[in-house]
Amino acid sequence: MAVQSHELMKIAVTAVEDKKAIDVIALDLKDISLVADYFIICSGNSDTQVQAIATEVRKQADLAGARIRGLEGMDSARWVLIDLGDVIVHIFHREEREYYNIERLWSDAKVVEFA
């Protein structure tokens, strides 16, 4: 059985937090986009940390039985995008996140609160 998008979002948030990602934010796009139900956006301080965060997201998604539909940017580790279908995880190197500021592009989205 497929993992529900809300559950997959929580799994991915936990994975990025486990690797000490910075400024983790989850955006609920269900009412405003056909692209995905959730975007998770976070940062790492180094290429190594960005890659470690991405590796942990992949591992936890795999353990949950979610299919990884796409993975971009692992080599440069400046902006890694992991497409989990209804959940898309953006892992930025700190400077790249400031430059692209994708939160601004999706400012209509609701920020998901997690305890």
PDB file of N, CA and C in Angstrom:
ATOM      1  N   MET A   1       0.831  -1.187   0.000  1.00  0.00           N
ATOM      2  CA  MET A   1       0.000   0.000   0.000  1.00  0.00           C
ATOM      3  C   MET A   1       0.878   1.254   0.000  1.00  0.00           C
ATOM      4  N   ALA A   2       0.475   2.233  -0.775  1.00  0.00           N
ATOM      5  CA  ALA A   2       1.261   3.459  -0.900  1.00  0.00           C
ATOM      6  C   ALA A   2       1.200   4.273   0.395  1.00  0.00           C
ATOM      7  N   VAL A   3       2.288   4.949   0.675  1.00  0.00           N
ATOM      8  CA  VAL A   3       2.355   5.816   1.843  1.00  0.00           C
ATOM      9  C   VAL A   3       1.552   7.082   1.540  1.00  0.00           C
ATOM     10  N   GLN A   4       0.701   7.507   2.460  1.00  0.00           N
ATOM     11  CA  GLN A   4      -0.064   8.738   2.276  1.00  0.00           C
ATOM     12  C   GLN A   4       0.881   9.937   2.271  1.00  0.00           C
ATOM     13  N   SER A   5       0.521  10.973   1.519  1.00  0.00           N
ATOM     14  CA  SER A   5       1.414  12.117   1.363  1.00  0.00           C
ATOM     15  C   SER A   5       1.731  12.801   2.695  1.00  0.00           C
ATOM     16  N   HIS A   6       0.747  12.919   3.591  1.00  0.00           N
ATOM     17  CA  HIS A   6       1.006  13.575   4.876  1.00  0.00           C
ATOM     18  C   HIS A   6       2.010  12.759   5.704  1.00  0.00           C
ATOM     19  N   GLU A   7       1.862  11.447   5.679  1.00  0.00           N
ATOM     20  CA  GLU A   7       2.773  10.563   6.406  1.00  0.00           C
ATOM     21  C   GLU A   7       4.185  10.639   5.801  1.00  0.00           C
ATOM     22  N   LEU A   8       4.264  10.655   4.472  1.00  0.00           N
ATOM     23  CA  LEU A   8       5.550  10.739   3.781  1.00  0.00           C
ATOM     24  C   LEU A   8       6.237  12.073   4.096  1.00  0.00           C
ATOM     25  N   MET A   9       5.461  13.153   4.170  1.00  0.00           N
ATOM     26  CA  MET A   9       6.009  14.453   4.526  1.00  0.00           C
ATOM     27  C   MET A   9       6.627  14.387   5.920  1.00  0.00           C
ATOM     28  N   LYS A  10       5.930  13.761   6.876  1.00  0.00           N
ATOM     29  CA  LYS A  10       6.448  13.659   8.244  1.00  0.00           C
ATOM     30  C   LYS A  10       7.726  12.814   8.282  1.00  0.00           C
ATOM     31  N   ILE A  11       7.768  11.730   7.510  1.00  0.00           N
ATOM     32  CA  ILE A  11       8.963  10.877   7.442  1.00  0.00           C
ATOM     33  C   ILE A  11      10.149  11.685   6.916  1.00  0.00           C
ATOM     34  N   ALA A  12       9.917  12.461   5.862  1.00  0.00           N
ATOM     35  CA  ALA A  12      10.995  13.258   5.263  1.00  0.00           C
ATOM     36  C   ALA A  12      11.460  14.362   6.216  1.00  0.00           C
ATOM     37  N   VAL A  13      10.523  15.012   6.900  1.00  0.00           N
ATOM     38  CA  VAL A  13      10.900  16.061   7.860  1.00  0.00           C
ATOM     39  C   VAL A  13      11.762  15.463   8.978  1.00  0.00           C
ATOM     40  N   THR A  14      11.352  14.310   9.490  1.00  0.00           N
ATOM     41  CA  THR A  14      12.132  13.642  10.535  1.00  0.00           C
ATOM     42  C   THR A  14      13.529  13.304  10.027  1.00  0.00           C
ATOM     43  N   ALA A  15      13.629  12.829   8.788  1.00  0.00           N
ATOM     44  CA  ALA A  15      14.924  12.466   8.205  1.00  0.00           C
ATOM     45  C   ALA A  15      15.851  13.676   8.096  1.00  0.00           C
ATOM     46  N   VAL A  16      15.333  14.806   7.610  1.00  0.00           N
ATOM     47  CA  VAL A  16      16.204  15.983   7.473  1.00  0.00           C
ATOM     48  C   VAL A  16      16.601  16.517   8.851  1.00  0.00           C
ATOM     49  N   GLU A  17      15.668  16.460   9.810  1.00  0.00           N
ATOM     50  CA  GLU A  17      16.000  16.921  11.160  1.00  0.00           C
ATOM     51  C   GLU A  17      17.029  16.017  11.825  1.00  0.00           C
ATOM     52  N   ASP A  18      16.968  14.711  11.532  1.00  0.00           N
ATOM     53  CA  ASP A  18      17.947  13.778  12.097  1.00  0.00           C
ATOM     54  C   ASP A  18      19.372  14.106  11.649  1.00  0.00           C
ATOM     55  N   LYS A  19      19.511  14.705  10.480  1.00  0.00           N
ATOM     56  CA  LYS A  19      20.835  15.081   9.972  1.00  0.00           C
ATOM     57  C   LYS A  19      21.128  16.564  10.197  1.00  0.00           C
ATOM     58  N   LYS A  20      20.390  17.153  11.152  1.00  0.00           N
ATOM     59  CA  LYS A  20      20.643  18.532  11.602  1.00  0.00           C
ATOM     60  C   LYS A  20      20.488  19.578  10.497  1.00  0.00           C
ATOM     61  N   ALA A  21      19.511  19.375   9.608  1.00  0.00           N
ATOM     62  CA  ALA A  21      19.227  20.383   8.584  1.00  0.00           C
ATOM     63  C   ALA A  21      18.821  21.692   9.262  1.00  0.00           C
ATOM     64  N   ILE A  22      19.090  22.787   8.581  1.00  0.00           N
ATOM     65  CA  ILE A  22      18.829  24.122   9.112  1.00  0.00           C
ATOM     66  C   ILE A  22      17.544  24.666   8.488  1.00  0.00           C
ATOM     67  N   ASP A  23      16.778  25.435   9.270  1.00  0.00           N
ATOM     68  CA  ASP A  23      15.589  26.140   8.769  1.00  0.00           C
ATOM     69  C   ASP A  23      14.651  25.226   7.982  1.00  0.00           C
ATOM     70  N   VAL A  24      14.234  24.152   8.610  1.00  0.00           N
ATOM     71  CA  VAL A  24      13.338  23.193   7.959  1.00  0.00           C
ATOM     72  C   VAL A  24      11.941  23.795   7.881  1.00  0.00           C
ATOM     73  N   ILE A  25      11.370  23.776   6.691  1.00  0.00           N
ATOM     74  CA  ILE A  25      10.002  24.270   6.508  1.00  0.00           C
ATOM     75  C   ILE A  25       9.266  23.289   5.597  1.00  0.00           C
ATOM     76  N   ALA A  26       8.017  23.024   5.928  1.00  0.00           N
ATOM     77  CA  ALA A  26       7.164  22.191   5.064  1.00  0.00           C
ATOM     78  C   ALA A  26       6.005  23.054   4.617  1.00  0.00           C
ATOM     79  N   LEU A  27       5.761  23.062   3.314  1.00  0.00           N
ATOM     80  CA  LEU A  27       4.673  23.848   2.742  1.00  0.00           C
ATOM     81  C   LEU A  27       3.579  22.918   2.244  1.00  0.00           C
ATOM     82  N   ASP A  28       2.349  23.220   2.585  1.00  0.00           N
ATOM     83  CA  ASP A  28       1.184  22.462   2.130  1.00  0.00           C
ATOM     84  C   ASP A  28       0.700  23.097   0.827  1.00  0.00           C
ATOM     85  N   LEU A  29       0.863  22.365  -0.270  1.00  0.00           N
ATOM     86  CA  LEU A  29       0.522  22.881  -1.603  1.00  0.00           C
ATOM     87  C   LEU A  29      -0.777  22.282  -2.142  1.00  0.00           C
ATOM     88  N   LYS A  30      -1.472  21.486  -1.328  1.00  0.00           N
ATOM     89  CA  LYS A  30      -2.625  20.736  -1.835  1.00  0.00           C
ATOM     90  C   LYS A  30      -3.665  21.603  -2.539  1.00  0.00           C
ATOM     91  N   ASP A  31      -3.945  22.777  -2.026  1.00  0.00           N
ATOM     92  CA  ASP A  31      -4.985  23.617  -2.624  1.00  0.00           C
ATOM     93  C   ASP A  31      -4.468  24.579  -3.689  1.00  0.00           C
ATOM     94  N   ILE A  32      -3.146  24.624  -3.895  1.00  0.00           N
ATOM     95  CA  ILE A  32      -2.620  25.638  -4.818  1.00  0.00           C
ATOM     96  C   ILE A  32      -1.751  25.092  -5.946  1.00  0.00           C
ATOM     97  N   SER A  33      -1.462  23.797  -5.949  1.00  0.00           N
ATOM     98  CA  SER A  33      -0.568  23.269  -6.983  1.00  0.00           C
ATOM     99  C   SER A  33      -0.915  21.834  -7.334  1.00  0.00           C
ATOM    100  N   LEU A  34      -0.723  21.501  -8.584  1.00  0.00           N
ATOM    101  CA  LEU A  34      -0.869  20.118  -9.028  1.00  0.00           C
ATOM    102  C   LEU A  34       0.471  19.389  -8.987  1.00  0.00           C
ATOM    103  N   VAL A  35       1.549  20.128  -8.733  1.00  0.00           N
ATOM    104  CA  VAL A  35       2.899  19.574  -8.738  1.00  0.00           C
ATOM    105  C   VAL A  35       3.084  18.543  -7.630  1.00  0.00           C
ATOM    106  N   ALA A  36       2.664  18.910  -6.421  1.00  0.00           N
ATOM    107  CA  ALA A  36       2.866  18.047  -5.256  1.00  0.00           C
ATOM    108  C   ALA A  36       1.929  18.494  -4.144  1.00  0.00           C
ATOM    109  N   ASP A  37       1.751  17.632  -3.149  1.00  0.00           N
ATOM    110  CA  ASP A  37       0.976  18.007  -1.958  1.00  0.00           C
ATOM    111  C   ASP A  37       1.829  18.809  -0.979  1.00  0.00           C
ATOM    112  N   TYR A  38       3.124  18.456  -0.900  1.00  0.00           N
ATOM    113  CA  TYR A  38       4.019  19.116   0.053  1.00  0.00           C
ATOM    114  C   TYR A  38       5.380  19.384  -0.569  1.00  0.00           C
ATOM    115  N   PHE A  39       5.958  20.525  -0.215  1.00  0.00           N
ATOM    116  CA  PHE A  39       7.365  20.826  -0.455  1.00  0.00           C
ATOM    117  C   PHE A  39       8.015  20.863   0.922  1.00  0.00           C
ATOM    118  N   ILE A  40       9.156  20.237   1.041  1.00  0.00           N
ATOM    119  CA  ILE A  40       9.982  20.393   2.236  1.00  0.00           C
ATOM    120  C   ILE A  40      11.230  21.122   1.774  1.00  0.00           C
ATOM    121  N   ILE A  41      11.575  22.175   2.495  1.00  0.00           N
ATOM    122  CA  ILE A  41      12.726  22.992   2.133  1.00  0.00           C
ATOM    123  C   ILE A  41      13.627  23.067   3.360  1.00  0.00           C
ATOM    124  N   CYS A  42      14.909  22.813   3.151  1.00  0.00           N
ATOM    125  CA  CYS A  42      15.855  22.896   4.256  1.00  0.00           C
ATOM    126  C   CYS A  42      17.236  23.203   3.705  1.00  0.00           C
ATOM    127  N   SER A  43      18.171  23.422   4.616  1.00  0.00           N
ATOM    128  CA  SER A  43      19.536  23.775   4.222  1.00  0.00           C
ATOM    129  C   SER A  43      20.549  22.964   4.998  1.00  0.00           C
ATOM    130  N   GLY A  44      21.738  22.887   4.405  1.00  0.00           N
ATOM    131  CA  GLY A  44      22.897  22.323   5.070  1.00  0.00           C
ATOM    132  C   GLY A  44      24.039  23.315   4.993  1.00  0.00           C
ATOM    133  N   ASN A  45      24.999  23.185   5.896  1.00  0.00           N
ATOM    134  CA  ASN A  45      26.126  24.120   5.951  1.00  0.00           C
ATOM    135  C   ASN A  45      27.271  23.770   5.010  1.00  0.00           C
ATOM    136  N   SER A  46      27.271  22.539   4.492  1.00  0.00           N
ATOM    137  CA  SER A  46      28.381  22.110   3.631  1.00  0.00           C
ATOM    138  C   SER A  46      27.853  21.122   2.596  1.00  0.00           C
ATOM    139  N   ASP A  47      28.655  20.888   1.567  1.00  0.00           N
ATOM    140  CA  ASP A  47      28.291  19.890   0.555  1.00  0.00           C
ATOM    141  C   ASP A  47      28.068  18.532   1.216  1.00  0.00           C
ATOM    142  N   THR A  48      28.949  18.199   2.152  1.00  0.00           N
ATOM    143  CA  THR A  48      28.866  16.913   2.836  1.00  0.00           C
ATOM    144  C   THR A  48      27.557  16.787   3.608  1.00  0.00           C
ATOM    145  N   GLN A  49      27.170  17.848   4.307  1.00  0.00           N
ATOM    146  CA  GLN A  49      25.924  17.791   5.068  1.00  0.00           C
ATOM    147  C   GLN A  49      24.715  17.708   4.135  1.00  0.00           C
ATOM    148  N   VAL A  50      24.724  18.459   3.045  1.00  0.00           N
ATOM    149  CA  VAL A  50      23.620  18.405   2.071  1.00  0.00           C
ATOM    150  C   VAL A  50      23.469  16.974   1.553  1.00  0.00           C
ATOM    151  N   GLN A  51      24.584  16.342   1.209  1.00  0.00           N
ATOM    152  CA  GLN A  51      24.533  14.962   0.713  1.00  0.00           C
ATOM    153  C   GLN A  51      24.057  13.992   1.791  1.00  0.00           C
ATOM    154  N   ALA A  52      24.483  14.209   3.038  1.00  0.00           N
ATOM    155  CA  ALA A  52      24.059  13.338   4.138  1.00  0.00           C
ATOM    156  C   ALA A  52      22.558  13.464   4.381  1.00  0.00           C
ATOM    157  N   ILE A  53      22.034  14.682   4.313  1.00  0.00           N
ATOM    158  CA  ILE A  53      20.593  14.902   4.479  1.00  0.00           C
ATOM    159  C   ILE A  53      19.836  14.167   3.376  1.00  0.00           C
ATOM    160  N   ALA A  54      20.288  14.337   2.148  1.00  0.00           N
ATOM    161  CA  ALA A  54      19.617  13.697   1.006  1.00  0.00           C
ATOM    162  C   ALA A  54      19.660  12.177   1.119  1.00  0.00           C
ATOM    163  N   THR A  55      20.792  11.643   1.526  1.00  0.00           N
ATOM    164  CA  THR A  55      20.939  10.195   1.683  1.00  0.00           C
ATOM    165  C   THR A  55      19.977   9.672   2.739  1.00  0.00           C
ATOM    166  N   GLU A  56      19.817  10.414   3.836  1.00  0.00           N
ATOM    167  CA  GLU A  56      18.904   9.996   4.906  1.00  0.00           C
ATOM    168  C   GLU A  56      17.443  10.038   4.439  1.00  0.00           C
ATOM    169  N   VAL A  57      17.077  11.059   3.681  1.00  0.00           N
ATOM    170  CA  VAL A  57      15.708  11.134   3.146  1.00  0.00           C
ATOM    171  C   VAL A  57      15.439   9.934   2.243  1.00  0.00           C
ATOM    172  N   ARG A  58      16.389   9.636   1.364  1.00  0.00           N
ATOM    173  CA  ARG A  58      16.227   8.482   0.467  1.00  0.00           C
ATOM    174  C   ARG A  58      16.079   7.188   1.259  1.00  0.00           C
ATOM    175  N   LYS A  59      16.925   7.019   2.282  1.00  0.00           N
ATOM    176  CA  LYS A  59      16.900   5.803   3.087  1.00  0.00           C
ATOM    177  C   LYS A  59      15.557   5.648   3.803  1.00  0.00           C
ATOM    178  N   GLN A  60      15.093   6.709   4.439  1.00  0.00           N
ATOM    179  CA  GLN A  60      13.841   6.631   5.193  1.00  0.00           C
ATOM    180  C   GLN A  60      12.631   6.464   4.273  1.00  0.00           C
ATOM    181  N   ALA A  61      12.656   7.107   3.118  1.00  0.00           N
ATOM    182  CA  ALA A  61      11.563   6.945   2.146  1.00  0.00           C
ATOM    183  C   ALA A  61      11.526   5.502   1.658  1.00  0.00           C
ATOM    184  N   ASP A  62      12.695   4.960   1.399  1.00  0.00           N
ATOM    185  CA  ASP A  62      12.806   3.574   0.945  1.00  0.00           C
ATOM    186  C   ASP A  62      12.274   2.611   2.010  1.00  0.00           C
ATOM    187  N   LEU A  63      12.661   2.835   3.268  1.00  0.00           N
ATOM    188  CA  LEU A  63      12.192   1.987   4.367  1.00  0.00           C
ATOM    189  C   LEU A  63      10.671   2.054   4.518  1.00  0.00           C
ATOM    190  N   ALA A  64      10.087   3.219   4.194  1.00  0.00           N
ATOM    191  CA  ALA A  64       8.633   3.392   4.302  1.00  0.00           C
ATOM    192  C   ALA A  64       7.902   2.822   3.087  1.00  0.00           C
ATOM    193  N   GLY A  65       8.663   2.374   2.086  1.00  0.00           N
ATOM    194  CA  GLY A  65       8.053   1.809   0.884  1.00  0.00           C
ATOM    195  C   GLY A  65       7.657   2.844  -0.156  1.00  0.00           C
ATOM    196  N   ALA A  66       8.175   4.066  -0.006  1.00  0.00           N
ATOM    197  CA  ALA A  66       7.877   5.115  -0.985  1.00  0.00           C
ATOM    198  C   ALA A  66       8.830   4.989  -2.169  1.00  0.00           C
ATOM    199  N   ARG A  67       8.307   5.317  -3.340  1.00  0.00           N
ATOM    200  CA  ARG A  67       9.126   5.246  -4.549  1.00  0.00           C
ATOM    201  C   ARG A  67       9.785   6.598  -4.790  1.00  0.00           C
ATOM    202  N   ILE A  68      11.089   6.581  -5.002  1.00  0.00           N
ATOM    203  CA  ILE A  68      11.810   7.807  -5.338  1.00  0.00           C
ATOM    204  C   ILE A  68      11.722   7.977  -6.843  1.00  0.00           C
ATOM    205  N   ARG A  69      11.010   9.015  -7.253  1.00  0.00           N
ATOM    206  CA  ARG A  69      10.740   9.223  -8.675  1.00  0.00           C
ATOM    207  C   ARG A  69      11.845  10.006  -9.370  1.00  0.00           C
ATOM    208  N   GLY A  70      12.594  10.772  -8.588  1.00  0.00           N
ATOM    209  CA  GLY A  70      13.664  11.556  -9.188  1.00  0.00           C
ATOM    210  C   GLY A  70      14.608  12.071  -8.124  1.00  0.00           C
ATOM    211  N   LEU A  71      15.851  12.251  -8.532  1.00  0.00           N
ATOM    212  CA  LEU A  71      16.881  12.778  -7.644  1.00  0.00           C
ATOM    213  C   LEU A  71      17.822  13.605  -8.503  1.00  0.00           C
ATOM    214  N   GLU A  72      17.958  14.868  -8.165  1.00  0.00           N
ATOM    215  CA  GLU A  72      18.824  15.761  -8.934  1.00  0.00           C
ATOM    216  C   GLU A  72      19.763  16.496  -7.992  1.00  0.00           C
ATOM    217  N   GLY A  73      20.986  16.744  -8.447  1.00  0.00           N
ATOM    218  CA  GLY A  73      21.884  17.645  -7.740  1.00  0.00           C
ATOM    219  C   GLY A  73      22.825  17.039  -6.720  1.00  0.00           C
ATOM    220  N   MET A  74      22.845  15.715  -6.593  1.00  0.00           N
ATOM    221  CA  MET A  74      23.717  15.099  -5.577  1.00  0.00           C
ATOM    222  C   MET A  74      25.194  15.385  -5.837  1.00  0.00           C
ATOM    223  N   ASP A  75      25.606  15.435  -7.097  1.00  0.00           N
ATOM    224  CA  ASP A  75      27.025  15.628  -7.407  1.00  0.00           C
ATOM    225  C   ASP A  75      27.529  16.988  -6.950  1.00  0.00           C
ATOM    226  N   SER A  76      26.790  18.041  -7.278  1.00  0.00           N
ATOM    227  CA  SER A  76      27.243  19.387  -6.897  1.00  0.00           C
ATOM    228  C   SER A  76      26.875  19.723  -5.457  1.00  0.00           C
ATOM    229  N   ALA A  77      25.802  19.101  -4.941  1.00  0.00           N
ATOM    230  CA  ALA A  77      25.342  19.298  -3.557  1.00  0.00           C
ATOM    231  C   ALA A  77      25.071  20.759  -3.228  1.00  0.00           C
ATOM    232  N   ARG A  78      24.629  21.527  -4.201  1.00  0.00           N
ATOM    233  CA  ARG A  78      24.266  22.922  -3.962  1.00  0.00           C
ATOM    234  C   ARG A  78      22.751  23.036  -3.786  1.00  0.00           C
ATOM    235  N   TRP A  79      22.010  22.227  -4.540  1.00  0.00           N
ATOM    236  CA  TRP A  79      20.552  22.167  -4.421  1.00  0.00           C
ATOM    237  C   TRP A  79      20.159  20.756  -4.832  1.00  0.00           C
ATOM    238  N   VAL A  80      19.835  19.929  -3.866  1.00  0.00           N
ATOM    239  CA  VAL A  80      19.420  18.557  -4.152  1.00  0.00           C
ATOM    240  C   VAL A  80      17.899  18.517  -4.100  1.00  0.00           C
ATOM    241  N   LEU A  81      17.304  17.955  -5.130  1.00  0.00           N
ATOM    242  CA  LEU A  81      15.859  17.812  -5.187  1.00  0.00           C
ATOM    243  C   LEU A  81      15.535  16.326  -5.188  1.00  0.00           C
ATOM    244  N   ILE A  82      14.678  15.919  -4.270  1.00  0.00           N
ATOM    245  CA  ILE A  82      14.235  14.529  -4.204  1.00  0.00           C
ATOM    246  C   ILE A  82      12.735  14.515  -4.446  1.00  0.00           C
ATOM    247  N   ASP A  83      12.328  13.852  -5.532  1.00  0.00           N
ATOM    248  CA  ASP A  83      10.916  13.761  -5.901  1.00  0.00           C
ATOM    249  C   ASP A  83      10.362  12.446  -5.379  1.00  0.00           C
ATOM    250  N   LEU A  84       9.488  12.559  -4.381  1.00  0.00           N
ATOM    251  CA  LEU A  84       8.835  11.383  -3.804  1.00  0.00           C
ATOM    252  C   LEU A  84       7.377  11.312  -4.259  1.00  0.00           C
ATOM    253  N   GLY A  85       7.075  11.941  -5.377  1.00  0.00           N
ATOM    254  CA  GLY A  85       5.705  11.955  -5.880  1.00  0.00           C
ATOM    255  C   GLY A  85       4.942  13.124  -5.292  1.00  0.00           C
ATOM    256  N   ASP A  86       4.125  12.864  -4.287  1.00  0.00           N
ATOM    257  CA  ASP A  86       3.322  13.923  -3.670  1.00  0.00           C
ATOM    258  C   ASP A  86       4.119  14.791  -2.711  1.00  0.00           C
ATOM    259  N   VAL A  87       5.356  14.400  -2.441  1.00  0.00           N
ATOM    260  CA  VAL A  87       6.236  15.171  -1.556  1.00  0.00           C
ATOM    261  C   VAL A  87       7.543  15.423  -2.306  1.00  0.00           C
ATOM    262  N   ILE A  88       7.947  16.687  -2.358  1.00  0.00           N
ATOM    263  CA  ILE A  88       9.211  17.042  -2.998  1.00  0.00           C
ATOM    264  C   ILE A  88      10.090  17.713  -1.956  1.00  0.00           C
ATOM    265  N   VAL A  89      11.303  17.191  -1.817  1.00  0.00           N
ATOM    266  CA  VAL A  89      12.243  17.685  -0.807  1.00  0.00           C
ATOM    267  C   VAL A  89      13.339  18.481  -1.513  1.00  0.00           C
ATOM    268  N   HIS A  90      13.508  19.722  -1.075  1.00  0.00           N
ATOM    269  CA  HIS A  90      14.567  20.603  -1.587  1.00  0.00           C
ATOM    270  C   HIS A  90      15.592  20.764  -0.480  1.00  0.00           C
ATOM    271  N   ILE A  91      16.831  20.350  -0.761  1.00  0.00           N
ATOM    272  CA  ILE A  91      17.907  20.482   0.225  1.00  0.00           C
ATOM    273  C   ILE A  91      18.953  21.408  -0.380  1.00  0.00           C
ATOM    274  N   PHE A  92      19.067  22.569   0.207  1.00  0.00           N
ATOM    275  CA  PHE A  92      19.968  23.588  -0.321  1.00  0.00           C
ATOM    276  C   PHE A  92      21.239  23.691   0.493  1.00  0.00           C
ATOM    277  N   HIS A  93      22.319  24.072  -0.194  1.00  0.00           N
ATOM    278  CA  HIS A  93      23.477  24.598   0.504  1.00  0.00           C
ATOM    279  C   HIS A  93      23.037  25.978   0.979  1.00  0.00           C
ATOM    280  N   ARG A  94      23.427  26.387   2.167  1.00  0.00           N
ATOM    281  CA  ARG A  94      22.925  27.619   2.790  1.00  0.00           C
ATOM    282  C   ARG A  94      22.892  28.821   1.833  1.00  0.00           C
ATOM    283  N   GLU A  95      23.988  29.079   1.108  1.00  0.00           N
ATOM    284  CA  GLU A  95      24.033  30.254   0.221  1.00  0.00           C
ATOM    285  C   GLU A  95      23.046  30.136  -0.942  1.00  0.00           C
ATOM    286  N   GLU A  96      22.902  28.937  -1.468  1.00  0.00           N
ATOM    287  CA  GLU A  96      21.988  28.739  -2.597  1.00  0.00           C
ATOM    288  C   GLU A  96      20.543  28.994  -2.175  1.00  0.00           C
ATOM    289  N   ARG A  97      20.197  28.597  -0.967  1.00  0.00           N
ATOM    290  CA  ARG A  97      18.819  28.804  -0.498  1.00  0.00           C
ATOM    291  C   ARG A  97      18.487  30.291  -0.445  1.00  0.00           C
ATOM    292  N   GLU A  98      19.419  31.080   0.065  1.00  0.00           N
ATOM    293  CA  GLU A  98      19.204  32.526   0.115  1.00  0.00           C
ATOM    294  C   GLU A  98      19.041  33.085  -1.296  1.00  0.00           C
ATOM    295  N   TYR A  99      19.821  32.593  -2.232  1.00  0.00           N
ATOM    296  CA  TYR A  99      19.785  33.095  -3.603  1.00  0.00           C
ATOM    297  C   TYR A  99      18.456  32.759  -4.294  1.00  0.00           C
ATOM    298  N   TYR A 100      18.030  31.498  -4.226  1.00  0.00           N
ATOM    299  CA  TYR A 100      16.825  31.069  -4.945  1.00  0.00           C
ATOM    300  C   TYR A 100      15.536  31.438  -4.229  1.00  0.00           C
ATOM    301  N   ASN A 101      15.550  31.451  -2.891  1.00  0.00           N
ATOM    302  CA  ASN A 101      14.414  31.873  -2.081  1.00  0.00           C
ATOM    303  C   ASN A 101      13.082  31.307  -2.587  1.00  0.00           C
ATOM    304  N   ILE A 102      13.010  29.977  -2.732  1.00  0.00           N
ATOM    305  CA  ILE A 102      11.788  29.397  -3.299  1.00  0.00           C
ATOM    306  C   ILE A 102      10.590  29.512  -2.370  1.00  0.00           C
ATOM    307  N   GLU A 103      10.828  29.760  -1.078  1.00  0.00           N
ATOM    308  CA  GLU A 103       9.688  30.000  -0.189  1.00  0.00           C
ATOM    309  C   GLU A 103       8.865  31.185  -0.681  1.00  0.00           C
ATOM    310  N   ARG A 104       9.553  32.190  -1.216  1.00  0.00           N
ATOM    311  CA  ARG A 104       8.860  33.375  -1.721  1.00  0.00           C
ATOM    312  C   ARG A 104       7.963  33.017  -2.909  1.00  0.00           C
ATOM    313  N   LEU A 105       8.443  32.122  -3.769  1.00  0.00           N
ATOM    314  CA  LEU A 105       7.653  31.717  -4.943  1.00  0.00           C
ATOM    315  C   LEU A 105       6.371  30.999  -4.550  1.00  0.00           C
ATOM    316  N   TRP A 106       6.404  30.334  -3.397  1.00  0.00           N
ATOM    317  CA  TRP A 106       5.251  29.561  -2.924  1.00  0.00           C
ATOM    318  C   TRP A 106       4.636  30.216  -1.690  1.00  0.00           C
ATOM    319  N   SER A 107       4.651  31.542  -1.653  1.00  0.00           N
ATOM    320  CA  SER A 107       4.182  32.248  -0.459  1.00  0.00           C
ATOM    321  C   SER A 107       2.677  32.066  -0.203  1.00  0.00           C
ATOM    322  N   ASP A 108       1.918  31.606  -1.197  1.00  0.00           N
ATOM    323  CA  ASP A 108       0.487  31.323  -0.991  1.00  0.00           C
ATOM    324  C   ASP A 108       0.264  30.030  -0.205  1.00  0.00           C
ATOM    325  N   ALA A 109       1.293  29.207  -0.109  1.00  0.00           N
ATOM    326  CA  ALA A 109       1.154  27.910   0.556  1.00  0.00           C
ATOM    327  C   ALA A 109       1.101  28.082   2.073  1.00  0.00           C
ATOM    328  N   LYS A 110       0.372  27.172   2.717  1.00  0.00           N
ATOM    329  CA  LYS A 110       0.323  27.157   4.189  1.00  0.00           C
ATOM    330  C   LYS A 110       1.580  26.456   4.706  1.00  0.00           C
ATOM    331  N   VAL A 111       2.161  27.011   5.749  1.00  0.00           N
ATOM    332  CA  VAL A 111       3.305  26.366   6.401  1.00  0.00           C
ATOM    333  C   VAL A 111       2.743  25.300   7.349  1.00  0.00           C
ATOM    334  N   VAL A 112       3.284  24.081   7.240  1.00  0.00           N
ATOM    335  CA  VAL A 112       2.842  22.979   8.096  1.00  0.00           C
ATOM    336  C   VAL A 112       3.560  23.093   9.434  1.00  0.00           C
ATOM    337  N   GLU A 113       2.797  23.061  10.502  1.00  0.00           N
ATOM    338  CA  GLU A 113       3.382  23.098  11.844  1.00  0.00           C
ATOM    339  C   GLU A 113       3.626  21.667  12.303  1.00  0.00           C
ATOM    340  N   PHE A 114       4.804  21.391  12.820  1.00  0.00           N
ATOM    341  CA  PHE A 114       5.053  20.074  13.413  1.00  0.00           C
ATOM    342  C   PHE A 114       5.624  20.258  14.799  1.00  0.00           C
ATOM    343  N   ALA A 115       5.215  19.374  15.686  1.00  0.00           N
ATOM    344  CA  ALA A 115       5.637  19.486  17.085  1.00  0.00           C
ATOM    345  C   ALA A 115       7.049  18.971  17.247  1.00  0.00           C
TER     346      ALA A 115
END
